[in-house]
């Protein structure tokens, strides 16, 4: 067992180290009550590299934590720990990750020159409005549902890049009933002015009138679902995104928001190989 670290840095209270053995690897955790994250994510949040690349840096022995070379993957650190990469101290940016249940009649943009309400008008708190938050992707003005807002540019770029095929699920209510033939047409794909478009999955939702449809896609072109319905002679009455990259609005009322949990953030990072 290592001895407790009795150094008192910058007047902070003394900290004690506990060693936890798991699969013969060492994992050190400070008992300060502060938020802990894995060392590779700490490095990634500083904008140095991806988490996978951070693991390589750790394995090569070019990362130190509080003066000790750290080669063990899985170590957790907090804001008060001193982390150096190749002799240079790094401090991760304070990223925010917000899930908004977007209402209708709201523009998905940071600001609007015509004075219309934007999704950023719904995010309260002066500090949040000063840290460069922006919506990830776009939802039409009258499309509701899951919208991610962040200032993590690397994550946002990957979530919106076609290469990573981020899944999006929508619930659509058409102005008129759809036939099985029209459902099959959408499943096979239709031709839009900007190229062919298809869905990953489509199904009629329970109901007597045949107007409610569930669709799963990984593309994200402008007004894609509305335009696809127009090709089969239907107009969308209501459109809600019910899932985005695994996120849902469960427990979040329309027009309200909450911060993502650390677990949700981790899932997002893994989904785009960060």
Protein backbone atom coordinates (compact mmCIF):
# COMPACT_ATOMS: atom_id res chain seq x y z
CA UNK A 1 0.00 0.00 0.00
CA UNK A 2 1.41 3.41 -0.89
CA UNK A 3 1.69 5.93 1.91
CA UNK A 4 -0.82 8.77 2.03
CA UNK A 5 0.23 11.85 0.10
CA UNK A 6 0.65 14.50 2.81
CA UNK A 7 1.65 17.32 0.53
CA UNK A 8 -0.63 20.34 0.84
CA UNK A 9 -0.72 22.04 -2.54
CA UNK A 10 -1.78 25.68 -2.71
CA UNK A 11 -3.45 25.63 0.68
CA UNK A 12 -5.91 22.87 -0.20
CA UNK A 13 -6.79 20.27 2.37
CA UNK A 14 -4.59 17.19 2.59
CA UNK A 15 -5.55 14.35 0.33
CA UNK A 16 -5.29 10.63 0.90
CA UNK A 17 -4.67 8.06 -1.79
CA UNK A 18 -6.30 4.67 -1.87
CA UNK A 19 -4.98 1.93 -4.08
CA UNK A 20 -7.54 -0.30 -5.70
CA UNK A 21 -6.37 -3.54 -7.31
CA UNK A 22 -8.40 -4.76 -10.24
CA UNK A 23 -7.11 -7.38 -12.68
CA UNK A 24 -3.60 -6.83 -11.26
CA UNK A 25 -3.63 -3.20 -12.45
CA UNK A 26 -3.37 -0.15 -10.21
CA UNK A 27 -6.00 2.52 -10.03
CA UNK A 28 -5.47 5.55 -7.81
CA UNK A 29 -8.40 7.61 -6.59
CA UNK A 30 -8.16 10.80 -4.51
CA UNK A 31 -10.78 11.00 -1.77
CA UNK A 32 -11.63 14.66 -2.24
CA UNK A 33 -15.22 14.26 -3.39
CA UNK A 34 -14.50 16.05 -6.68
CA UNK A 35 -15.66 14.69 -10.03
CA UNK A 36 -13.33 12.00 -11.35
CA UNK A 37 -12.83 11.11 -15.00
CA UNK A 38 -10.48 8.69 -16.71
CA UNK A 39 -7.07 10.08 -17.56
CA UNK A 40 -7.48 9.51 -21.31
CA UNK A 41 -10.68 11.57 -21.34
CA UNK A 42 -8.99 14.29 -19.27
CA UNK A 43 -6.30 14.52 -21.97
CA UNK A 44 -8.85 14.44 -24.78
CA UNK A 45 -10.85 17.28 -23.22
CA UNK A 46 -7.71 19.40 -23.24
CA UNK A 47 -7.76 19.14 -27.04
CA UNK A 48 -4.51 17.19 -27.22
CA UNK A 49 -5.82 14.15 -29.07
CA UNK A 50 -8.54 11.50 -29.04
CA UNK A 51 -8.98 9.13 -26.10
CA UNK A 52 -7.46 6.25 -28.06
CA UNK A 53 -4.40 8.33 -28.87
CA UNK A 54 -4.24 9.42 -25.23
CA UNK A 55 -4.00 5.76 -24.19
CA UNK A 56 -0.96 5.43 -26.46
CA UNK A 57 0.67 8.48 -24.85
CA UNK A 58 0.05 7.02 -21.40
CA UNK A 59 1.50 3.64 -22.41
CA UNK A 60 4.62 5.36 -23.78
CA UNK A 61 5.24 6.99 -20.41
CA UNK A 62 5.02 10.61 -21.53
CA UNK A 63 2.15 11.45 -19.14
CA UNK A 64 2.69 12.34 -15.47
CA UNK A 65 0.11 12.82 -12.72
CA UNK A 66 1.21 14.82 -9.69
CA UNK A 67 4.84 14.23 -10.59
CA UNK A 68 4.57 10.48 -11.16
CA UNK A 69 4.88 8.86 -14.59
CA UNK A 70 1.58 7.13 -15.25
CA UNK A 71 1.61 4.12 -17.58
CA UNK A 72 -1.52 2.43 -16.24
CA UNK A 73 -4.71 2.75 -18.27
CA UNK A 74 -7.89 3.35 -16.30
CA UNK A 75 -6.48 5.85 -13.80
CA UNK A 76 -8.96 8.55 -12.79
CA UNK A 77 -8.05 12.18 -12.13
CA UNK A 78 -9.79 15.38 -11.13
CA UNK A 79 -9.44 19.11 -11.64
CA UNK A 80 -7.03 19.50 -8.71
CA UNK A 81 -4.56 16.94 -10.06
CA UNK A 82 -1.53 18.17 -12.02
CA UNK A 83 -1.36 16.38 -15.36
CA UNK A 84 1.55 16.88 -17.75
CA UNK A 85 1.98 15.58 -21.29
CA UNK A 86 5.55 15.69 -22.61
CA UNK A 87 6.47 18.10 -19.82
CA UNK A 88 3.64 20.56 -20.48
CA UNK A 89 0.78 20.91 -18.03
CA UNK A 90 -2.66 20.47 -19.56
CA UNK A 91 -5.98 21.75 -18.29
CA UNK A 92 -9.14 20.43 -19.98
CA UNK A 93 -11.65 22.89 -21.31
CA UNK A 94 -14.89 23.13 -19.41
CA UNK A 95 -17.23 21.56 -21.90
CA UNK A 96 -20.97 21.59 -21.38
CA UNK A 97 -23.37 18.99 -22.77
CA UNK A 98 -27.04 19.92 -22.71
CA UNK A 99 -30.06 17.95 -23.89
CA UNK A 100 -32.97 20.17 -24.94
CA UNK A 101 -36.49 18.98 -25.67
CA UNK A 102 -37.02 21.38 -28.55
CA UNK A 103 -40.50 22.87 -28.93
CA UNK A 104 -42.17 24.03 -32.13
CA UNK A 105 -41.74 27.55 -33.56
CA UNK A 106 -38.09 27.64 -32.50
CA UNK A 107 -35.06 28.13 -34.78
CA UNK A 108 -32.10 25.77 -34.38
CA UNK A 109 -29.34 28.35 -34.41
CA UNK A 110 -27.33 30.45 -31.98
CA UNK A 111 -28.95 33.74 -33.05
CA UNK A 112 -31.47 34.92 -35.60
CA UNK A 113 -31.20 38.26 -37.42
CA UNK A 114 -34.98 38.40 -37.77
CA UNK A 115 -35.50 38.21 -34.02
CA UNK A 116 -37.23 34.83 -34.01
CA UNK A 117 -36.91 32.61 -30.95
CA UNK A 118 -33.89 30.29 -31.06
CA UNK A 119 -33.01 27.18 -29.11
CA UNK A 120 -30.35 29.20 -27.28
CA UNK A 121 -33.05 31.47 -25.87
CA UNK A 122 -34.33 28.43 -23.98
CA UNK A 123 -31.00 27.71 -22.25
CA UNK A 124 -30.98 29.76 -19.06
CA UNK A 125 -27.96 31.03 -17.17
CA UNK A 126 -25.61 33.87 -18.04
CA UNK A 127 -22.54 31.66 -17.74
CA UNK A 128 -23.91 29.15 -20.23
CA UNK A 129 -24.45 31.90 -22.77
CA UNK A 130 -20.83 33.01 -22.51
CA UNK A 131 -19.01 29.74 -23.17
CA UNK A 132 -19.68 29.29 -26.88
CA UNK A 133 -22.56 26.81 -26.83
CA UNK A 134 -24.14 25.82 -30.14
CA UNK A 135 -26.71 23.25 -31.32
CA UNK A 136 -25.38 20.04 -32.86
CA UNK A 137 -27.01 19.64 -36.26
CA UNK A 138 -30.35 21.15 -37.14
CA UNK A 139 -34.01 20.55 -36.52
CA UNK A 140 -36.61 22.35 -38.62
CA UNK A 141 -38.44 25.25 -37.00
CA UNK A 142 -41.51 23.13 -36.24
CA UNK A 143 -39.74 19.82 -35.59
CA UNK A 144 -39.64 18.91 -31.90
CA UNK A 145 -37.63 16.57 -29.72
CA UNK A 146 -34.05 15.68 -28.89
CA UNK A 147 -31.44 18.36 -29.55
CA UNK A 148 -27.89 18.30 -28.22
CA UNK A 149 -26.26 21.64 -27.34
CA UNK A 150 -22.56 21.81 -26.49
CA UNK A 151 -19.29 23.69 -26.93
CA UNK A 152 -17.33 20.51 -27.64
CA UNK A 153 -16.36 21.09 -31.26
CA UNK A 154 -14.59 17.77 -31.82
CA UNK A 155 -17.55 15.73 -30.59
CA UNK A 156 -20.05 17.85 -32.53
CA UNK A 157 -18.04 17.46 -35.75
CA UNK A 158 -18.02 13.69 -35.49
CA UNK A 159 -21.69 13.41 -34.51
CA UNK A 160 -22.68 15.29 -37.65
CA UNK A 161 -20.15 13.64 -40.01
CA UNK A 162 -21.75 11.03 -42.33
CA UNK A 163 -18.81 8.69 -41.74
CA UNK A 164 -19.99 7.86 -38.21
CA UNK A 165 -23.61 7.15 -39.21
CA UNK A 166 -25.17 8.46 -36.01
CA UNK A 167 -28.64 7.02 -35.57
CA UNK A 168 -31.68 9.29 -35.40
CA UNK A 169 -35.23 8.12 -34.71
CA UNK A 170 -38.33 10.11 -35.57
CA UNK A 171 -42.03 9.81 -34.96
CA UNK A 172 -44.07 11.27 -37.81
CA UNK A 173 -47.75 12.04 -38.09
CA UNK A 174 -48.88 12.41 -41.69
CA UNK A 175 -51.87 14.47 -42.74
CA UNK A 176 -53.31 11.34 -44.38
CA UNK A 177 -52.98 7.58 -43.99
CA UNK A 178 -50.08 5.77 -45.62
CA UNK A 179 -50.53 2.57 -47.57
CA UNK A 180 -48.28 -0.48 -47.27
CA UNK A 181 -47.04 0.28 -50.78
CA UNK A 182 -45.98 3.80 -49.77
CA UNK A 183 -44.23 2.45 -46.67
CA UNK A 184 -42.34 0.03 -48.91
CA UNK A 185 -41.40 2.86 -51.29
CA UNK A 186 -39.86 4.85 -48.43
CA UNK A 187 -38.04 1.74 -47.21
CA UNK A 188 -36.48 1.15 -50.62
CA UNK A 189 -35.56 4.82 -50.99
CA UNK A 190 -36.69 7.80 -53.03
CA UNK A 191 -34.96 10.35 -55.22
CA UNK A 192 -34.60 13.90 -53.88
CA UNK A 193 -33.16 16.94 -55.64
CA UNK A 194 -29.88 16.46 -53.78
CA UNK A 195 -29.63 12.72 -54.40
CA UNK A 196 -31.20 9.43 -53.34
CA UNK A 197 -32.49 9.09 -49.78
CA UNK A 198 -33.53 6.03 -47.82
CA UNK A 199 -34.36 5.00 -44.26
CA UNK A 200 -32.73 2.38 -42.06
CA UNK A 201 -36.09 1.27 -40.71
CA UNK A 202 -39.72 2.31 -41.03
CA UNK A 203 -42.91 1.00 -39.49
CA UNK A 204 -46.50 2.02 -38.96
CA UNK A 205 -47.13 2.84 -35.31
CA UNK A 206 -50.18 1.52 -33.42
CA UNK A 207 -53.32 3.45 -34.28
CA UNK A 208 -56.53 3.16 -36.25
CA UNK A 209 -55.96 5.79 -38.89
CA UNK A 210 -52.55 4.71 -40.29
CA UNK A 211 -51.09 8.20 -40.03
CA UNK A 212 -48.37 7.59 -37.43
CA UNK A 213 -45.01 6.30 -38.62
CA UNK A 214 -41.67 5.58 -36.93
CA UNK A 215 -38.50 6.10 -38.95
CA UNK A 216 -34.83 5.48 -38.17
CA UNK A 217 -32.15 7.13 -40.32
CA UNK A 218 -28.46 7.99 -40.10
CA UNK A 219 -28.41 10.77 -42.67
CA UNK A 220 -29.15 14.34 -41.68
CA UNK A 221 -29.94 16.37 -44.76
CA UNK A 222 -32.06 19.51 -44.63
CA UNK A 223 -35.78 18.70 -44.23
CA UNK A 224 -35.01 15.17 -45.37
CA UNK A 225 -38.00 13.37 -43.88
CA UNK A 226 -40.49 16.05 -44.92
CA UNK A 227 -39.13 15.96 -48.46
CA UNK A 228 -39.24 12.16 -48.59
CA UNK A 229 -42.91 12.23 -47.63
CA UNK A 230 -43.60 14.83 -50.31
CA UNK A 231 -42.27 12.42 -52.99
CA UNK A 232 -45.05 9.95 -52.13
CA UNK A 233 -47.70 12.66 -52.06
CA UNK A 234 -47.93 13.13 -48.31
CA UNK A 235 -47.46 16.14 -46.07
CA UNK A 236 -46.02 15.81 -42.58
CA UNK A 237 -48.33 17.18 -39.90
CA UNK A 238 -46.07 16.61 -36.87
CA UNK A 239 -42.44 15.54 -36.68
CA UNK A 240 -40.60 14.68 -33.47
CA UNK A 241 -37.07 13.36 -33.04
CA UNK A 242 -37.43 10.84 -30.24
CA UNK A 243 -33.84 9.58 -30.16
CA UNK A 244 -30.47 10.99 -31.21
CA UNK A 245 -27.23 9.03 -30.74
CA UNK A 246 -28.89 7.12 -27.90
CA UNK A 247 -30.27 10.24 -26.18
CA UNK A 248 -33.99 10.64 -25.48
CA UNK A 249 -36.15 13.32 -23.89
CA UNK A 250 -37.50 11.00 -21.20
CA UNK A 251 -38.14 13.10 -18.11
CA UNK A 252 -37.56 16.41 -19.91
CA UNK A 253 -40.64 18.50 -20.67
CA UNK A 254 -41.03 20.30 -23.97
CA UNK A 255 -38.98 23.50 -23.99
CA UNK A 256 -36.88 22.37 -20.99
CA UNK A 257 -33.33 21.06 -20.78
CA UNK A 258 -30.89 19.16 -18.59
CA UNK A 259 -27.19 18.43 -18.51
CA UNK A 260 -25.98 15.05 -19.75
CA UNK A 261 -24.64 12.60 -17.22
CA UNK A 262 -21.03 11.47 -17.36
CA UNK A 263 -22.23 8.07 -18.57
CA UNK A 264 -24.18 9.64 -21.45
CA UNK A 265 -21.17 11.72 -22.44
CA UNK A 266 -19.00 8.60 -22.42
CA UNK A 267 -21.47 6.79 -24.68
CA UNK A 268 -21.43 9.69 -27.13
CA UNK A 269 -17.65 9.65 -27.25
CA UNK A 270 -17.55 5.90 -27.81
CA UNK A 271 -20.17 6.11 -30.55
CA UNK A 272 -17.90 8.31 -32.65
CA UNK A 273 -14.65 6.59 -31.66
CA UNK A 274 -13.23 9.33 -29.43
